[in-house]
Amino acid sequence: MTPMPTSAYPEETPTRTDRDQIARRRLSRFMLVAAAAIWGSTYTLSKEAIADISVQQLLAIRMFGGIVLMWIFFGKRIISTFTVASLRSGVIAGILYYGAFLLQTVGLRGMPPGRNAFLTASYCVLTPFLMWVFRKRAPGVQHIGASLLCLIGVGFVASSQSGGLASGTPHALSDAMTLLGAVGWALYFFLIAMASVRHDPITLTFIVFCSSFVLFLVGSLIWERQLPSLPLHSRTLWAVGILLLATFAAQVLQNLGIAGTSPNEASILLCTETLFTLILSILVYSERPTPVAAVGFALIFGSVMLSEIANR
């Protein structure tokens, strides 16, 4: 029996260009998930390190280490692709990077790593609204629903220990700082995604590190005049060393991945760092989320997934 044809027209065979684009997109997604896993580990490492080192001192060390490693591995590429326009975009992104990282890490000082990670993840649902403001692309119903779900989740997390953001307790202040940092991350990721279309992502990352290093160093000298208590605990030294490598590897993977995906998709994939953070924090830091906080975590993660579905 002769099989029936499935179509009146022959199937189109993907061209080499199509296959290359698909392969590049898959590689970009893998880079973003790998970056998320590395970033997830840095919450617990940072929590360990800021016990002995002030916040801006630690972040200045991380940025300096990233600068040195990037220059060693990508110095020629940075020189060949550097432009005044990339400097301008990188410095603006570096200012946002500084503010977001500072607020997030100050918030981490007063809460467990997993809690800090999930509150920070709320930046994911802000990205579509930034697209609305700057690119005139209105968010859909699912984006609005994801934002409301995220707000409810944040409310659960905030009320689980602090009694609410308006209570004025140390927990509430840490929550508020972390959420402000999330706004900064949303702005940073949007800007770096737009700039990566016109400029080399490695060069942008290097400029971001340089500009934020200067800000962290100046901020440390002005507001954190005390030196770390010496000798540093061996665990702190290990944490700082791993953080230096993680900062370099994660940031490079992140910016390369962002360059090959859309801003919305990149922010969603990077949000998986919350799962890595919570698992590691439970295993290493003995974090035990309360039932109310666990509900909040689930709602926040659900909002991220809803936003991802809306982006497809």
Foldseek 3Di string as FASTA:
>chain_A
DDDDDPDPDDDDDDDPVRVVLVVLLVLLLVLLLVLLLLVLVLLVLLLVQCVFFPQLVLLLLLLVLLLVVLCVVCVVVLVVFDDPVLLVLLLVLLVLVLLLSSLLSVLSNQDFSLLSLLLLLLLLLCQQVVCCVPVVDHADPLSVVLNVLLVVLLQLQQCQPPVGLPNPDSNNSSSVSSNVSSVSVNVSLVSLLVVVLPGPLSNSLSSSSVNSSVVSVVCCVVPVVDGGDPDDDPSNVVSSVSSNVSSNSSSVSLSSSSNSDPSSSSSLSSSCSSVSNVVVCCVPVVDDDDPSNVVSSVSSNVSSVSSVVSVD
